[in-house]
Amino acid sequence: MVKVRHKYNIIFDLDGTLVHTAPALAKAANYLLRELNLPEISTDVYSSFIGGGIKKQVQRLLNHFGYSYSSIEKYEKRFKDFYYIDPYFQTYLFPNVKNSLTELKSLNFNIAICTQKNREPALKILDHFGIKQFFTGFAFGDSLEVLKPDPLMVKLATKNFSPKKNIYIGDSNTDLKTARNSNSIFILFTEGYRKENISELKPDYFFSNYRNLLELIKKI
C-alpha cells in the first residue's frame, strides 16, 4: 500500500468504539448484584450505564435499584475484583476493526487510545485481540486525576506525537465533548453505546462499519 501524506493524529476510544465489552461488564455487575441480594440485569440494560469509568457505572448500577450506600468505593473495588478476572467474556472486536487499524498503521498514522477503562483491563483486552501494537499513545482511566471529557486525557494520549490536529473516534456524548474540548475533529462510530440520536450529537462525521473508516479519513 502506498503511503500518503497526512496531517492528523488518530485517537480511538475503546469500549463501544473498537471493542464490544458490555457482556463482560454486565457479568461482573451481576456478581456484585448477587452479593447484594439484588436482581440480575441484562447486557442491554447495563450498556446504558457505560461511560465515565467504572465508578460511574457502579453508581448508575446501584442507583438503578435504589440501593442506598454511603460510599461507592467498596462496591467499585468489588466490581473490579470480578471484572479484572474475566474482561473477555463475550467480548469481541467490532467487524473490520483490525483491518482498519492495519491500513491506518501502514499509512504511518500516529494512533492512540483514550479510554475511561483502567490500564490493567484495557491492556489485557488490547493484547487479547492482538491490536496493542497499532497504538503508540495511551491514556487510561487511572492515568490522571481527571477523566474524559477533560482535554488533558487527549494531551496525554498524544504527548509523544507531532503537534498535528487530532481526529477523535468514539461512540458517545462523552467522546464528542472530549473531542470538542481538545479541538479535535469528531467521528462517531454509530454501533456503540450512545444514548442520543446522531442528530442530537451533531458529530463532524459518522460511520457504522470500519471498512469505511479509511476512506472517510482520506476525505477529511
N, C-alpha and C. Protein backbone atom coordinates (compact mmCIF):
# COMPACT_ATOMS: atom_id res chain seq x y z
N MET A 1 0.85 -1.20 0.00
CA MET A 1 0.00 0.00 0.00
C MET A 1 0.89 1.25 0.00
N VAL A 2 0.57 2.18 -0.87
CA VAL A 2 1.37 3.39 -0.99
C VAL A 2 1.06 4.32 0.18
N LYS A 3 2.11 4.84 0.81
CA LYS A 3 1.91 5.78 1.91
C LYS A 3 1.45 7.13 1.38
N VAL A 4 0.59 7.77 2.13
CA VAL A 4 0.10 9.09 1.73
C VAL A 4 0.48 10.11 2.78
N ARG A 5 0.54 11.34 2.36
CA ARG A 5 0.79 12.41 3.31
C ARG A 5 -0.48 12.67 4.12
N HIS A 6 -0.32 12.95 5.36
CA HIS A 6 -1.47 13.25 6.19
C HIS A 6 -1.08 14.26 7.25
N LYS A 7 -2.07 14.91 7.83
CA LYS A 7 -1.78 15.97 8.80
C LYS A 7 -2.53 15.75 10.10
N TYR A 8 -2.96 14.50 10.34
CA TYR A 8 -3.75 14.23 11.54
C TYR A 8 -3.17 13.09 12.36
N ASN A 9 -3.32 13.20 13.68
CA ASN A 9 -3.16 12.06 14.57
C ASN A 9 -4.54 11.44 14.76
N ILE A 10 -4.59 10.13 15.00
CA ILE A 10 -5.85 9.42 15.16
C ILE A 10 -5.96 8.92 16.60
N ILE A 11 -7.09 9.23 17.26
CA ILE A 11 -7.33 8.81 18.63
C ILE A 11 -8.62 7.99 18.67
N PHE A 12 -8.55 6.83 19.33
CA PHE A 12 -9.72 5.98 19.47
C PHE A 12 -10.12 5.84 20.93
N ASP A 13 -11.41 5.93 21.17
CA ASP A 13 -11.99 5.40 22.40
C ASP A 13 -11.92 3.87 22.30
N LEU A 14 -12.18 3.17 23.42
CA LEU A 14 -12.09 1.70 23.41
C LEU A 14 -13.47 1.03 23.51
N ASP A 15 -14.11 1.13 24.68
CA ASP A 15 -15.39 0.45 24.89
C ASP A 15 -16.48 1.04 24.00
N GLY A 16 -17.11 0.18 23.21
CA GLY A 16 -18.19 0.64 22.35
C GLY A 16 -17.71 1.27 21.06
N THR A 17 -16.40 1.41 20.92
CA THR A 17 -15.83 2.00 19.71
C THR A 17 -15.00 0.98 18.94
N LEU A 18 -14.04 0.37 19.60
CA LEU A 18 -13.26 -0.69 18.99
C LEU A 18 -13.74 -2.07 19.43
N VAL A 19 -14.19 -2.15 20.67
CA VAL A 19 -14.50 -3.44 21.28
C VAL A 19 -15.88 -3.41 21.94
N HIS A 20 -16.63 -4.48 21.74
CA HIS A 20 -17.91 -4.67 22.44
C HIS A 20 -17.60 -5.34 23.78
N THR A 21 -17.61 -4.55 24.85
CA THR A 21 -17.20 -5.04 26.17
C THR A 21 -18.36 -5.18 27.15
N ALA A 22 -19.55 -4.78 26.74
CA ALA A 22 -20.68 -4.75 27.68
C ALA A 22 -20.99 -6.10 28.33
N PRO A 23 -20.90 -7.25 27.62
CA PRO A 23 -21.22 -8.51 28.29
C PRO A 23 -20.33 -8.82 29.49
N ALA A 24 -19.05 -8.56 29.38
CA ALA A 24 -18.13 -8.83 30.49
C ALA A 24 -18.40 -7.88 31.66
N LEU A 25 -18.72 -6.63 31.35
CA LEU A 25 -19.05 -5.67 32.40
C LEU A 25 -20.36 -6.07 33.08
N ALA A 26 -21.34 -6.50 32.29
CA ALA A 26 -22.62 -6.93 32.87
C ALA A 26 -22.44 -8.17 33.73
N LYS A 27 -21.55 -9.06 33.30
CA LYS A 27 -21.28 -10.27 34.10
C LYS A 27 -20.73 -9.89 35.46
N ALA A 28 -19.77 -8.97 35.49
CA ALA A 28 -19.21 -8.50 36.76
C ALA A 28 -20.29 -7.83 37.61
N ALA A 29 -21.12 -7.04 36.96
CA ALA A 29 -22.21 -6.36 37.67
C ALA A 29 -23.14 -7.37 38.33
N ASN A 30 -23.43 -8.45 37.64
CA ASN A 30 -24.36 -9.44 38.18
C ASN A 30 -23.75 -10.21 39.35
N TYR A 31 -22.44 -10.41 39.34
CA TYR A 31 -21.78 -11.00 40.51
C TYR A 31 -21.97 -10.08 41.72
N LEU A 32 -21.78 -8.78 41.49
CA LEU A 32 -21.95 -7.82 42.57
C LEU A 32 -23.40 -7.78 43.04
N LEU A 33 -24.33 -7.78 42.13
CA LEU A 33 -25.75 -7.74 42.49
C LEU A 33 -26.16 -8.96 43.30
N ARG A 34 -25.61 -10.12 42.95
CA ARG A 34 -25.92 -11.33 43.72
C ARG A 34 -25.47 -11.18 45.16
N GLU A 35 -24.29 -10.62 45.34
CA GLU A 35 -23.78 -10.41 46.71
C GLU A 35 -24.69 -9.47 47.50
N LEU A 36 -25.33 -8.57 46.82
CA LEU A 36 -26.21 -7.60 47.48
C LEU A 36 -27.66 -8.05 47.51
N ASN A 37 -27.89 -9.29 47.06
CA ASN A 37 -29.26 -9.83 47.02
C ASN A 37 -30.20 -8.98 46.17
N LEU A 38 -29.67 -8.51 45.06
CA LEU A 38 -30.45 -7.72 44.10
C LEU A 38 -30.64 -8.53 42.82
N PRO A 39 -31.67 -8.22 42.04
CA PRO A 39 -31.91 -8.97 40.80
C PRO A 39 -30.79 -8.74 39.78
N GLU A 40 -30.58 -9.70 38.92
CA GLU A 40 -29.60 -9.53 37.86
C GLU A 40 -30.17 -8.64 36.75
N ILE A 41 -29.27 -8.12 35.92
CA ILE A 41 -29.69 -7.26 34.81
C ILE A 41 -29.16 -7.82 33.50
N SER A 42 -29.75 -7.38 32.42
CA SER A 42 -29.32 -7.82 31.09
C SER A 42 -28.14 -6.97 30.60
N THR A 43 -27.48 -7.49 29.59
CA THR A 43 -26.39 -6.73 28.97
C THR A 43 -26.91 -5.43 28.36
N ASP A 44 -28.09 -5.47 27.78
CA ASP A 44 -28.67 -4.25 27.17
C ASP A 44 -28.88 -3.16 28.21
N VAL A 45 -29.40 -3.55 29.37
CA VAL A 45 -29.61 -2.57 30.43
C VAL A 45 -28.27 -2.04 30.92
N TYR A 46 -27.31 -2.94 31.11
CA TYR A 46 -26.01 -2.47 31.59
C TYR A 46 -25.34 -1.53 30.60
N SER A 47 -25.56 -1.76 29.32
CA SER A 47 -24.95 -0.89 28.29
C SER A 47 -25.32 0.57 28.50
N SER A 48 -26.50 0.81 29.06
CA SER A 48 -26.93 2.19 29.29
C SER A 48 -26.16 2.85 30.43
N PHE A 49 -25.42 2.07 31.21
CA PHE A 49 -24.63 2.61 32.32
C PHE A 49 -23.19 2.95 31.89
N ILE A 50 -22.77 2.46 30.73
CA ILE A 50 -21.38 2.59 30.32
C ILE A 50 -21.05 4.04 29.98
N GLY A 51 -19.88 4.46 30.43
CA GLY A 51 -19.41 5.83 30.22
C GLY A 51 -19.04 6.46 31.54
N GLY A 52 -17.91 7.12 31.57
CA GLY A 52 -17.49 7.81 32.79
C GLY A 52 -16.59 7.01 33.70
N GLY A 53 -16.26 5.77 33.30
CA GLY A 53 -15.40 4.95 34.13
C GLY A 53 -16.21 4.03 35.04
N ILE A 54 -15.52 3.08 35.67
CA ILE A 54 -16.20 2.06 36.46
C ILE A 54 -16.92 2.66 37.66
N LYS A 55 -16.35 3.63 38.31
CA LYS A 55 -17.04 4.23 39.47
C LYS A 55 -18.41 4.75 39.07
N LYS A 56 -18.48 5.48 37.97
CA LYS A 56 -19.76 6.00 37.49
C LYS A 56 -20.72 4.87 37.13
N GLN A 57 -20.18 3.83 36.52
CA GLN A 57 -21.01 2.70 36.13
C GLN A 57 -21.62 2.01 37.35
N VAL A 58 -20.80 1.82 38.38
CA VAL A 58 -21.29 1.16 39.60
C VAL A 58 -22.33 2.05 40.29
N GLN A 59 -22.10 3.35 40.29
CA GLN A 59 -23.09 4.28 40.85
C GLN A 59 -24.42 4.15 40.11
N ARG A 60 -24.38 4.14 38.78
CA ARG A 60 -25.60 4.02 37.98
C ARG A 60 -26.28 2.67 38.23
N LEU A 61 -25.47 1.64 38.38
CA LEU A 61 -26.00 0.30 38.64
C LEU A 61 -26.79 0.28 39.95
N LEU A 62 -26.19 0.77 41.02
CA LEU A 62 -26.84 0.74 42.33
C LEU A 62 -28.03 1.70 42.37
N ASN A 63 -27.88 2.84 41.72
CA ASN A 63 -29.00 3.80 41.67
C ASN A 63 -30.19 3.23 40.91
N HIS A 64 -29.90 2.40 39.93
CA HIS A 64 -30.95 1.76 39.14
C HIS A 64 -31.90 0.96 40.04
N PHE A 65 -31.35 0.39 41.10
CA PHE A 65 -32.16 -0.41 42.03
C PHE A 65 -32.56 0.38 43.28
N GLY A 66 -32.17 1.66 43.32
CA GLY A 66 -32.47 2.45 44.51
C GLY A 66 -31.73 1.96 45.73
N TYR A 67 -30.55 1.36 45.49
CA TYR A 67 -29.77 0.79 46.59
C TYR A 67 -29.05 1.92 47.33
N SER A 68 -29.19 1.96 48.62
CA SER A 68 -28.61 3.04 49.43
C SER A 68 -27.17 2.69 49.83
N TYR A 69 -26.28 3.65 49.67
CA TYR A 69 -24.88 3.43 50.06
C TYR A 69 -24.30 4.76 50.52
N SER A 70 -23.38 4.67 51.47
CA SER A 70 -22.74 5.88 51.98
C SER A 70 -21.45 6.19 51.22
N SER A 71 -20.81 5.14 50.71
CA SER A 71 -19.57 5.31 49.95
C SER A 71 -19.55 4.29 48.82
N ILE A 72 -19.21 4.73 47.63
CA ILE A 72 -19.22 3.85 46.47
C ILE A 72 -17.96 3.02 46.35
N GLU A 73 -16.89 3.40 47.07
CA GLU A 73 -15.57 2.82 46.83
C GLU A 73 -15.54 1.31 47.04
N LYS A 74 -16.19 0.80 48.09
CA LYS A 74 -16.10 -0.64 48.34
C LYS A 74 -16.85 -1.44 47.26
N TYR A 75 -17.91 -0.87 46.72
CA TYR A 75 -18.65 -1.53 45.65
C TYR A 75 -17.86 -1.47 44.33
N GLU A 76 -17.21 -0.35 44.12
CA GLU A 76 -16.34 -0.21 42.95
C GLU A 76 -15.22 -1.24 43.00
N LYS A 77 -14.60 -1.39 44.17
CA LYS A 77 -13.50 -2.35 44.33
C LYS A 77 -13.98 -3.78 44.08
N ARG A 78 -15.16 -4.11 44.60
CA ARG A 78 -15.69 -5.45 44.41
C ARG A 78 -15.99 -5.70 42.94
N PHE A 79 -16.54 -4.71 42.28
CA PHE A 79 -16.81 -4.82 40.84
C PHE A 79 -15.51 -5.11 40.09
N LYS A 80 -14.46 -4.36 40.40
CA LYS A 80 -13.17 -4.56 39.74
C LYS A 80 -12.64 -5.96 39.99
N ASP A 81 -12.82 -6.45 41.22
CA ASP A 81 -12.37 -7.82 41.53
C ASP A 81 -12.99 -8.81 40.56
N PHE A 82 -14.25 -8.66 40.30
CA PHE A 82 -14.95 -9.57 39.39
C PHE A 82 -14.55 -9.32 37.94
N TYR A 83 -14.50 -8.05 37.54
CA TYR A 83 -14.27 -7.73 36.14
C TYR A 83 -12.84 -8.07 35.69
N TYR A 84 -11.87 -7.78 36.52
CA TYR A 84 -10.49 -7.99 36.12
C TYR A 84 -10.15 -9.46 35.93
N ILE A 85 -10.90 -10.34 36.58
CA ILE A 85 -10.68 -11.78 36.42
C ILE A 85 -11.00 -12.22 34.99
N ASP A 86 -12.08 -11.67 34.44
CA ASP A 86 -12.53 -12.12 33.12
C ASP A 86 -13.09 -10.96 32.30
N PRO A 87 -12.20 -10.08 31.79
CA PRO A 87 -12.68 -8.95 30.98
C PRO A 87 -12.98 -9.34 29.54
N TYR A 88 -12.85 -10.64 29.21
CA TYR A 88 -13.03 -11.08 27.83
C TYR A 88 -14.39 -11.75 27.58
N PHE A 89 -15.20 -11.93 28.62
CA PHE A 89 -16.44 -12.71 28.48
C PHE A 89 -17.33 -12.12 27.39
N GLN A 90 -17.55 -12.90 26.34
CA GLN A 90 -18.38 -12.50 25.18
C GLN A 90 -17.96 -11.15 24.60
N THR A 91 -16.72 -10.77 24.82
CA THR A 91 -16.18 -9.52 24.30
C THR A 91 -15.61 -9.77 22.89
N TYR A 92 -15.82 -8.83 22.00
CA TYR A 92 -15.28 -9.01 20.65
C TYR A 92 -14.99 -7.66 20.00
N LEU A 93 -14.06 -7.70 19.04
CA LEU A 93 -13.80 -6.52 18.21
C LEU A 93 -14.99 -6.30 17.29
N PHE A 94 -15.34 -5.06 17.07
CA PHE A 94 -16.35 -4.77 16.06
C PHE A 94 -15.82 -5.17 14.69
N PRO A 95 -16.70 -5.54 13.77
CA PRO A 95 -16.25 -6.03 12.45
C PRO A 95 -15.30 -5.06 11.76
N ASN A 96 -14.24 -5.64 11.19
CA ASN A 96 -13.25 -4.93 10.36
C ASN A 96 -12.35 -3.96 11.13
N VAL A 97 -12.38 -4.01 12.47
CA VAL A 97 -11.51 -3.12 13.26
C VAL A 97 -10.04 -3.40 12.97
N LYS A 98 -9.66 -4.66 13.02
CA LYS A 98 -8.23 -4.98 12.85
C LYS A 98 -7.74 -4.61 11.46
N ASN A 99 -8.53 -4.87 10.44
CA ASN A 99 -8.13 -4.47 9.08
C ASN A 99 -7.99 -2.96 8.97
N SER A 100 -8.89 -2.24 9.59
CA SER A 100 -8.85 -0.78 9.55
C SER A 100 -7.60 -0.25 10.24
N LEU A 101 -7.29 -0.80 11.42
CA LEU A 101 -6.08 -0.37 12.13
C LEU A 101 -4.82 -0.70 11.33
N THR A 102 -4.82 -1.86 10.68
CA THR A 102 -3.68 -2.26 9.86
C THR A 102 -3.47 -1.26 8.72
N GLU A 103 -4.55 -0.85 8.09
CA GLU A 103 -4.46 0.13 6.99
C GLU A 103 -3.93 1.46 7.48
N LEU A 104 -4.47 1.94 8.61
CA LEU A 104 -4.02 3.23 9.15
C LEU A 104 -2.55 3.19 9.53
N LYS A 105 -2.13 2.10 10.13
CA LYS A 105 -0.73 1.98 10.55
C LYS A 105 0.19 1.91 9.33
N SER A 106 -0.25 1.22 8.28
CA SER A 106 0.57 1.12 7.07
C SER A 106 0.75 2.46 6.40
N LEU A 107 -0.17 3.38 6.66
CA LEU A 107 -0.06 4.74 6.11
C LEU A 107 0.69 5.67 7.05
N ASN A 108 1.24 5.10 8.13
CA ASN A 108 2.12 5.84 9.04
C ASN A 108 1.39 6.86 9.90
N PHE A 109 0.12 6.65 10.15
CA PHE A 109 -0.59 7.49 11.11
C PHE A 109 -0.09 7.18 12.52
N ASN A 110 -0.02 8.21 13.35
CA ASN A 110 0.15 8.00 14.78
C ASN A 110 -1.22 7.71 15.38
N ILE A 111 -1.35 6.61 16.12
CA ILE A 111 -2.66 6.17 16.61
C ILE A 111 -2.59 6.01 18.13
N ALA A 112 -3.60 6.54 18.82
CA ALA A 112 -3.63 6.49 20.29
C ALA A 112 -4.95 5.92 20.78
N ILE A 113 -4.92 5.42 22.02
CA ILE A 113 -6.11 5.00 22.75
C ILE A 113 -6.37 6.02 23.86
N CYS A 114 -7.62 6.46 23.98
CA CYS A 114 -8.01 7.36 25.06
C CYS A 114 -9.30 6.81 25.65
N THR A 115 -9.20 6.16 26.81
CA THR A 115 -10.32 5.40 27.36
C THR A 115 -10.50 5.67 28.85
N GLN A 116 -11.75 5.54 29.30
CA GLN A 116 -12.03 5.62 30.73
C GLN A 116 -11.68 4.30 31.43
N LYS A 117 -11.46 3.25 30.67
CA LYS A 117 -11.13 1.95 31.25
C LYS A 117 -9.74 2.01 31.88
N ASN A 118 -9.57 1.42 33.04
CA ASN A 118 -8.28 1.43 33.71
C ASN A 118 -7.23 0.65 32.92
N ARG A 119 -5.99 0.95 33.21
CA ARG A 119 -4.87 0.42 32.43
C ARG A 119 -4.87 -1.11 32.36
N GLU A 120 -5.04 -1.77 33.52
CA GLU A 120 -4.90 -3.22 33.55
C GLU A 120 -5.89 -3.94 32.63
N PRO A 121 -7.20 -3.71 32.76
CA PRO A 121 -8.11 -4.41 31.86
C PRO A 121 -8.01 -3.93 30.41
N ALA A 122 -7.70 -2.66 30.21
CA ALA A 122 -7.57 -2.14 28.84
C ALA A 122 -6.43 -2.83 28.10
N LEU A 123 -5.28 -2.93 28.74
CA LEU A 123 -4.13 -3.58 28.10
C LEU A 123 -4.38 -5.07 27.90
N LYS A 124 -5.07 -5.69 28.85
CA LYS A 124 -5.42 -7.11 28.69
C LYS A 124 -6.26 -7.31 27.43
N ILE A 125 -7.22 -6.43 27.23
CA ILE A 125 -8.10 -6.54 26.06
C ILE A 125 -7.34 -6.26 24.77
N LEU A 126 -6.51 -5.23 24.76
CA LEU A 126 -5.72 -4.92 23.56
C LEU A 126 -4.79 -6.07 23.21
N ASP A 127 -4.17 -6.67 24.22
CA ASP A 127 -3.29 -7.82 23.99
C ASP A 127 -4.09 -9.03 23.52
N HIS A 128 -5.22 -9.27 24.17
CA HIS A 128 -6.04 -10.44 23.87
C HIS A 128 -6.48 -10.46 22.41
N PHE A 129 -6.79 -9.31 21.87
CA PHE A 129 -7.27 -9.24 20.48
C PHE A 129 -6.16 -8.89 19.49
N GLY A 130 -4.93 -8.81 19.98
CA GLY A 130 -3.78 -8.61 19.10
C GLY A 130 -3.75 -7.27 18.40
N ILE A 131 -4.20 -6.21 19.10
CA ILE A 131 -4.20 -4.89 18.46
C ILE A 131 -3.36 -3.85 19.21
N LYS A 132 -2.73 -4.25 20.29
CA LYS A 132 -1.95 -3.28 21.07
C LYS A 132 -0.85 -2.64 20.24
N GLN A 133 -0.25 -3.41 19.33
CA GLN A 133 0.90 -2.92 18.57
C GLN A 133 0.56 -1.77 17.65
N PHE A 134 -0.72 -1.55 17.39
CA PHE A 134 -1.11 -0.46 16.50
C PHE A 134 -1.04 0.91 17.19
N PHE A 135 -0.97 0.91 18.52
CA PHE A 135 -1.07 2.16 19.28
C PHE A 135 0.26 2.54 19.90
N THR A 136 0.59 3.82 19.79
CA THR A 136 1.82 4.34 20.40
C THR A 136 1.53 5.45 21.39
N GLY A 137 0.27 5.71 21.65
CA GLY A 137 -0.13 6.67 22.68
C GLY A 137 -1.28 6.09 23.49
N PHE A 138 -1.26 6.36 24.82
CA PHE A 138 -2.26 5.76 25.70
C PHE A 138 -2.67 6.74 26.79
N ALA A 139 -3.97 6.79 27.05
CA ALA A 139 -4.49 7.48 28.24
C ALA A 139 -5.59 6.59 28.80
N PHE A 140 -5.42 6.16 30.05
CA PHE A 140 -6.36 5.24 30.69
C PHE A 140 -7.12 5.94 31.80
N GLY A 141 -8.14 5.26 32.30
CA GLY A 141 -8.97 5.84 33.34
C GLY A 141 -8.25 6.11 34.64
N ASP A 142 -7.13 5.42 34.85
CA ASP A 142 -6.33 5.65 36.07
C ASP A 142 -4.99 6.30 35.77
N SER A 143 -4.87 6.92 34.60
CA SER A 143 -3.61 7.60 34.22
C SER A 143 -3.47 8.97 34.87
N LEU A 144 -4.59 9.67 35.05
CA LEU A 144 -4.59 11.04 35.56
C LEU A 144 -5.62 11.17 36.68
N GLU A 145 -5.65 12.33 37.28
CA GLU A 145 -6.68 12.61 38.29
C GLU A 145 -8.01 12.99 37.65
N VAL A 146 -8.01 13.18 36.33
CA VAL A 146 -9.22 13.56 35.61
C VAL A 146 -9.57 12.46 34.61
N LEU A 147 -10.80 12.50 34.11
CA LEU A 147 -11.27 11.59 33.07
C LEU A 147 -11.79 12.40 31.89
N LYS A 148 -12.08 11.72 30.80
CA LYS A 148 -12.78 12.39 29.72
C LYS A 148 -14.11 12.93 30.25
N PRO A 149 -14.55 14.11 29.82
CA PRO A 149 -14.12 14.85 28.63
C PRO A 149 -13.01 15.88 28.85
N ASP A 150 -12.26 15.75 29.94
CA ASP A 150 -11.15 16.69 30.16
C ASP A 150 -10.13 16.54 29.04
N PRO A 151 -9.73 17.63 28.40
CA PRO A 151 -8.79 17.55 27.28
C PRO A 151 -7.40 17.08 27.69
N LEU A 152 -7.11 17.06 28.99
CA LEU A 152 -5.81 16.53 29.43
C LEU A 152 -5.65 15.06 29.06
N MET A 153 -6.77 14.34 28.95
CA MET A 153 -6.70 12.94 28.53
C MET A 153 -6.17 12.83 27.10
N VAL A 154 -6.65 13.69 26.23
CA VAL A 154 -6.16 13.70 24.85
C VAL A 154 -4.71 14.15 24.79
N LYS A 155 -4.38 15.14 25.60
CA LYS A 155 -2.99 15.63 25.64
C LYS A 155 -2.05 14.51 26.06
N LEU A 156 -2.45 13.72 27.04
CA LEU A 156 -1.61 12.61 27.49
C LEU A 156 -1.49 11.55 26.39
N ALA A 157 -2.60 11.21 25.77
CA ALA A 157 -2.59 10.16 24.75
C ALA A 157 -1.69 10.52 23.57
N THR A 158 -1.54 11.80 23.29
CA THR A 158 -0.78 12.25 22.11
C THR A 158 0.53 12.94 22.49
N LYS A 159 1.00 12.76 23.72
CA LYS A 159 2.15 13.53 24.20
C LYS A 159 3.43 13.27 23.40
N ASN A 160 3.56 12.08 22.81
CA ASN A 160 4.75 11.76 22.04
C ASN A 160 4.55 11.91 20.54
N PHE A 161 3.40 12.46 20.15
CA PHE A 161 3.11 12.65 18.73
C PHE A 161 3.53 14.04 18.28
N SER A 162 3.70 14.20 16.98
CA SER A 162 3.97 15.53 16.45
C SER A 162 2.72 16.38 16.61
N PRO A 163 2.88 17.69 16.74
CA PRO A 163 1.74 18.58 17.03
C PRO A 163 0.85 18.81 15.82
N LYS A 164 0.10 17.78 15.47
CA LYS A 164 -0.86 17.89 14.38
C LYS A 164 -2.26 17.99 14.96
N LYS A 165 -3.22 18.26 14.11
CA LYS A 165 -4.62 18.22 14.55
C LYS A 165 -5.03 16.77 14.76
N ASN A 166 -5.94 16.56 15.71
CA ASN A 166 -6.37 15.21 16.05
C ASN A 166 -7.73 14.89 15.44
N ILE A 167 -7.87 13.65 15.02
CA ILE A 167 -9.17 13.07 14.70
C ILE A 167 -9.50 12.12 15.84
N TYR A 168 -10.62 12.37 16.50
CA TYR A 168 -11.02 11.56 17.65
C TYR A 168 -12.23 10.72 17.25
N ILE A 169 -12.12 9.40 17.45
CA ILE A 169 -13.17 8.47 17.05
C ILE A 169 -13.77 7.82 18.30
N GLY A 170 -15.07 8.01 18.51
CA GLY A 170 -15.72 7.47 19.69
C GLY A 170 -17.19 7.20 19.42
N ASP A 171 -17.86 6.70 20.47
CA ASP A 171 -19.25 6.26 20.27
C ASP A 171 -20.25 6.99 21.15
N SER A 172 -19.81 7.99 21.93
CA SER A 172 -20.70 8.54 22.95
C SER A 172 -20.65 10.06 23.02
N ASN A 173 -21.58 10.61 23.79
CA ASN A 173 -21.59 12.05 24.04
C ASN A 173 -20.33 12.49 24.78
N THR A 174 -19.84 11.65 25.69
CA THR A 174 -18.58 11.96 26.39
C THR A 174 -17.44 12.09 25.39
N ASP A 175 -17.41 11.20 24.40
CA ASP A 175 -16.36 11.28 23.38
C ASP A 175 -16.51 12.55 22.54
N LEU A 176 -17.73 12.91 22.21
CA LEU A 176 -17.96 14.16 21.48
C LEU A 176 -17.43 15.34 22.27
N LYS A 177 -17.76 15.40 23.57
CA LYS A 177 -17.30 16.51 24.41
C LYS A 177 -15.78 16.52 24.52
N THR A 178 -15.19 15.33 24.60
CA THR A 178 -13.73 15.23 24.67
C THR A 178 -13.10 15.80 23.41
N ALA A 179 -13.67 15.46 22.28
CA ALA A 179 -13.17 15.98 21.01
C ALA A 179 -13.32 17.50 20.94
N ARG A 180 -14.48 17.99 21.32
CA ARG A 180 -14.69 19.44 21.27
C ARG A 180 -13.74 20.18 22.22
N ASN A 181 -13.58 19.63 23.43
CA ASN A 181 -12.71 20.28 24.42
C ASN A 181 -11.25 20.29 24.02
N SER A 182 -10.86 19.35 23.16
CA SER A 182 -9.46 19.26 22.73
C SER A 182 -9.27 19.76 21.30
N ASN A 183 -10.31 20.42 20.76
CA ASN A 183 -10.24 20.98 19.41
C ASN A 183 -9.92 19.90 18.38
N SER A 184 -10.53 18.74 18.55
CA SER A 184 -10.33 17.61 17.63
C SER A 184 -11.53 17.46 16.71
N ILE A 185 -11.30 16.90 15.55
CA ILE A 185 -12.40 16.51 14.67
C ILE A 185 -13.02 15.25 15.26
N PHE A 186 -14.35 15.22 15.35
CA PHE A 186 -15.01 14.07 15.96
C PHE A 186 -15.72 13.21 14.92
N ILE A 187 -15.35 11.91 14.91
CA ILE A 187 -16.04 10.93 14.07
C ILE A 187 -16.78 9.97 15.00
N LEU A 188 -18.08 9.86 14.81
CA LEU A 188 -18.91 9.00 15.64
C LEU A 188 -19.01 7.61 15.02
N PHE A 189 -18.69 6.57 15.83
CA PHE A 189 -18.99 5.20 15.46
C PHE A 189 -20.40 4.90 15.97
N THR A 190 -21.30 4.62 15.06
CA THR A 190 -22.73 4.61 15.41
C THR A 190 -23.21 3.32 16.07
N GLU A 191 -22.37 2.29 16.13
CA GLU A 191 -22.82 0.98 16.61
C GLU A 191 -22.43 0.71 18.06
N GLY A 192 -22.03 1.73 18.80
CA GLY A 192 -21.60 1.56 20.18
C GLY A 192 -22.71 1.78 21.19
N TYR A 193 -22.38 2.49 22.29
CA TYR A 193 -23.29 2.56 23.44
C TYR A 193 -23.91 3.94 23.62
N ARG A 194 -23.96 4.73 22.58
CA ARG A 194 -24.53 6.08 22.72
C ARG A 194 -26.00 6.01 23.10
N LYS A 195 -26.44 7.02 23.81
CA LYS A 195 -27.83 7.10 24.25
C LYS A 195 -28.62 8.11 23.40
N GLU A 196 -27.91 8.97 22.67
CA GLU A 196 -28.55 10.04 21.92
C GLU A 196 -28.67 9.68 20.43
N ASN A 197 -29.56 10.35 19.76
CA ASN A 197 -29.64 10.23 18.31
C ASN A 197 -28.44 10.93 17.67
N ILE A 198 -28.09 10.49 16.48
CA ILE A 198 -26.97 11.12 15.76
C ILE A 198 -27.26 12.61 15.56
N SER A 199 -28.51 12.94 15.27
CA SER A 199 -28.87 14.33 15.03
C SER A 199 -28.70 15.19 16.29
N GLU A 200 -28.83 14.58 17.47
CA GLU A 200 -28.61 15.31 18.72
C GLU A 200 -27.13 15.57 18.95
N LEU A 201 -26.30 14.58 18.64
CA LEU A 201 -24.87 14.71 18.90
C LEU A 201 -24.18 15.65 17.93
N LYS A 202 -24.65 15.66 16.70
CA LYS A 202 -24.06 16.51 15.65
C LYS A 202 -22.54 16.27 15.51
N PRO A 203 -22.14 15.03 15.24
CA PRO A 203 -20.72 14.77 15.00
C PRO A 203 -20.26 15.42 13.70
N ASP A 204 -18.96 15.57 13.55
CA ASP A 204 -18.44 16.10 12.29
C ASP A 204 -18.65 15.09 11.16
N TYR A 205 -18.45 13.81 11.51
CA TYR A 205 -18.65 12.72 10.56
C TYR A 205 -19.13 11.51 11.36
N PHE A 206 -19.69 10.52 10.68
CA PHE A 206 -20.05 9.29 11.37
C PHE A 206 -19.97 8.12 10.40
N PHE A 207 -19.84 6.91 10.99
CA PHE A 207 -19.77 5.70 10.18
C PHE A 207 -20.30 4.53 11.01
N SER A 208 -20.67 3.46 10.33
CA SER A 208 -21.22 2.29 11.03
C SER A 208 -20.40 1.03 10.83
N ASN A 209 -19.46 1.04 9.87
CA ASN A 209 -18.63 -0.13 9.62
C ASN A 209 -17.19 0.31 9.37
N TYR A 210 -16.26 -0.36 10.01
CA TYR A 210 -14.86 0.05 9.92
C TYR A 210 -14.27 -0.10 8.53
N ARG A 211 -14.92 -0.84 7.67
CA ARG A 211 -14.39 -0.94 6.31
C ARG A 211 -14.48 0.41 5.59
N ASN A 212 -15.29 1.33 6.13
CA ASN A 212 -15.46 2.65 5.51
C ASN A 212 -14.64 3.75 6.17
N LEU A 213 -13.92 3.41 7.25
CA LEU A 213 -13.26 4.46 8.02
C LEU A 213 -12.12 5.12 7.26
N LEU A 214 -11.27 4.34 6.62
CA LEU A 214 -10.11 4.91 5.94
C LEU A 214 -10.53 5.90 4.86
N GLU A 215 -11.50 5.52 4.05
CA GLU A 215 -11.97 6.45 3.01
C GLU A 215 -12.54 7.72 3.61
N LEU A 216 -13.21 7.59 4.74
CA LEU A 216 -13.75 8.76 5.41
C LEU A 216 -12.62 9.69 5.89
N ILE A 217 -11.59 9.11 6.47
CA ILE A 217 -10.45 9.90 6.94
C ILE A 217 -9.74 10.56 5.76
N LYS A 218 -9.62 9.87 4.66
CA LYS A 218 -8.98 10.45 3.49
C LYS A 218 -9.76 11.67 2.98
N LYS A 219 -11.09 11.62 3.09
CA LYS A 219 -11.90 12.76 2.66
C LYS A 219 -11.67 13.98 3.57
N ILE A 220 -11.43 13.71 4.85
CA ILE A 220 -11.15 14.82 5.78
C ILE A 220 -9.86 15.50 5.40
